[in-house]
Each structure stands twice: as structure tokens, then as C-alpha cells.
Amino acid sequence: MTQVVDRTIFRSGEAAIAVTLPIGWIRYAGLKPGDKVEIVINDNDLVIRPKKDAPPNPRQMSIRK
């Protein structure tokens, strides 16, 4: 799932800067408010991904014969 999206950096409080994440990616990753992500900094690039040690987002599926 490769996409390029534009986002605007904004001030959040007195001492923080923030950027929003696309809701489509949030849903795809199974994240919700309060979940942790890790940010990998590589030269001039950032990679944001769900935190590996976070408990998996449980999903249920029923299979009937």
C-alpha cells in the first residue's frame, strides 16, 4: 500500500509540533486513539509504524459449515 499524501505541520500546545495521520492508514493498521507507534528516523525520512510490542488488535471471525 504505497501512497503519498500531503500533511500540514501544526503547533500543539506551547512546546510541541504535530502532524495528523491519514484515517485510511489508521484503519488499515488497526490503530485507535491511545495506541503506540514507533518512528524510525533515517537521514531525511521518517517511517511511522505500529509499535511491535503493542498487543495485537483482536479481530473475530465466525466460520460456519
C-alpha atoms as a PDB file:
ATOM      1  CA  MET A   1       0.000   0.000   0.000  1.00  0.00           C
ATOM      2  CA  THR A   2       2.144   2.870  -1.238  1.00  0.00           C
ATOM      3  CA  GLN A   3       0.558   6.305  -1.120  1.00  0.00           C
ATOM      4  CA  VAL A   4       1.871   9.829  -0.982  1.00  0.00           C
ATOM      5  CA  VAL A   5      -0.237  12.301   0.994  1.00  0.00           C
ATOM      6  CA  ASP A   6       0.342  15.927   1.934  1.00  0.00           C
ATOM      7  CA  ARG A   7       0.004  16.933   5.570  1.00  0.00           C
ATOM      8  CA  THR A   8       0.397  20.250   7.355  1.00  0.00           C
ATOM      9  CA  ILE A   9       2.539  20.559  10.459  1.00  0.00           C
ATOM     10  CA  PHE A  10       0.805  22.489  13.242  1.00  0.00           C
ATOM     11  CA  ARG A  11       1.535  23.663  16.760  1.00  0.00           C
ATOM     12  CA  SER A  12       0.091  21.589  19.583  1.00  0.00           C
ATOM     13  CA  GLY A  13       0.406  23.447  22.874  1.00  0.00           C
ATOM     14  CA  GLU A  14       3.388  25.543  23.888  1.00  0.00           C
ATOM     15  CA  ALA A  15       6.235  23.150  23.180  1.00  0.00           C
ATOM     16  CA  ALA A  16       5.079  20.625  20.614  1.00  0.00           C
ATOM     17  CA  ILE A  17       4.627  20.321  16.869  1.00  0.00           C
ATOM     18  CA  ALA A  18       2.259  17.703  15.397  1.00  0.00           C
ATOM     19  CA  VAL A  19       1.047  16.203  12.148  1.00  0.00           C
ATOM     20  CA  THR A  20      -2.084  14.126  11.573  1.00  0.00           C
ATOM     21  CA  LEU A  21      -2.088  10.617  10.088  1.00  0.00           C
ATOM     22  CA  PRO A  22      -4.449   9.560   7.295  1.00  0.00           C
ATOM     23  CA  ILE A  23      -7.531   7.816   8.702  1.00  0.00           C
ATOM     24  CA  GLY A  24      -7.305   5.173   5.981  1.00  0.00           C
ATOM     25  CA  TRP A  25      -3.881   4.122   7.232  1.00  0.00           C
ATOM     26  CA  ILE A  26      -5.047   4.223  10.856  1.00  0.00           C
ATOM     27  CA  ARG A  27      -7.871   1.828   9.985  1.00  0.00           C
ATOM     28  CA  TYR A  28      -5.620  -0.363   7.822  1.00  0.00           C
ATOM     29  CA  ALA A  29      -3.136  -0.671  10.702  1.00  0.00           C
ATOM     30  CA  GLY A  30      -5.943  -1.370  13.195  1.00  0.00           C
ATOM     31  CA  LEU A  31      -4.940   1.574  15.401  1.00  0.00           C
ATOM     32  CA  LYS A  32      -7.101   3.610  17.717  1.00  0.00           C
ATOM     33  CA  PRO A  33      -6.508   6.695  19.886  1.00  0.00           C
ATOM     34  CA  GLY A  34      -4.029   5.882  22.652  1.00  0.00           C
ATOM     35  CA  ASP A  35      -2.202   3.152  20.706  1.00  0.00           C
ATOM     36  CA  LYS A  36       1.570   3.472  20.372  1.00  0.00           C
ATOM     37  CA  VAL A  37       3.517   3.879  17.146  1.00  0.00           C
ATOM     38  CA  GLU A  38       7.244   3.936  16.603  1.00  0.00           C
ATOM     39  CA  ILE A  39       9.007   6.448  14.403  1.00  0.00           C
ATOM     40  CA  VAL A  40      12.131   5.359  12.548  1.00  0.00           C
ATOM     41  CA  ILE A  41      14.360   8.270  11.556  1.00  0.00           C
ATOM     42  CA  ASN A  42      16.648   7.585   8.612  1.00  0.00           C
ATOM     43  CA  ASP A  43      18.504  10.651   7.325  1.00  0.00           C
ATOM     44  CA  ASN A  44      15.719  12.835   5.901  1.00  0.00           C
ATOM     45  CA  ASP A  45      12.955  10.197   6.051  1.00  0.00           C
ATOM     46  CA  LEU A  46      10.519   9.148   8.770  1.00  0.00           C
ATOM     47  CA  VAL A  47       8.785   5.783   8.914  1.00  0.00           C
ATOM     48  CA  ILE A  48       5.791   5.537  11.228  1.00  0.00           C
ATOM     49  CA  ARG A  49       4.563   2.047  12.083  1.00  0.00           C
ATOM     50  CA  PRO A  50       2.522   0.344  14.793  1.00  0.00           C
ATOM     51  CA  LYS A  51       4.658  -0.419  17.829  1.00  0.00           C
ATOM     52  CA  LYS A  52       5.791  -4.053  17.723  1.00  0.00           C
ATOM     53  CA  ASP A  53       5.348  -4.754  21.425  1.00  0.00           C
ATOM     54  CA  ALA A  54       1.795  -3.407  21.438  1.00  0.00           C
ATOM     55  CA  PRO A  55      -0.804  -6.106  21.963  1.00  0.00           C
ATOM     56  CA  PRO A  56      -2.365  -7.178  18.680  1.00  0.00           C
ATOM     57  CA  ASN A  57      -5.704  -5.710  17.775  1.00  0.00           C
ATOM     58  CA  PRO A  58      -8.033  -8.700  18.233  1.00  0.00           C
ATOM     59  CA  ARG A  59     -10.327  -9.484  15.317  1.00  0.00           C
ATOM     60  CA  GLN A  60     -13.033 -12.093  15.356  1.00  0.00           C
ATOM     61  CA  MET A  61     -14.319 -14.189  12.519  1.00  0.00           C
ATOM     62  CA  SER A  62     -17.031 -16.826  12.567  1.00  0.00           C
ATOM     63  CA  ILE A  63     -16.833 -19.754  10.170  1.00  0.00           C
ATOM     64  CA  ARG A  64     -19.896 -21.901   9.790  1.00  0.00           C
ATOM     65  CA  LYS A  65     -20.175 -25.123   7.832  1.00  0.00           C
END
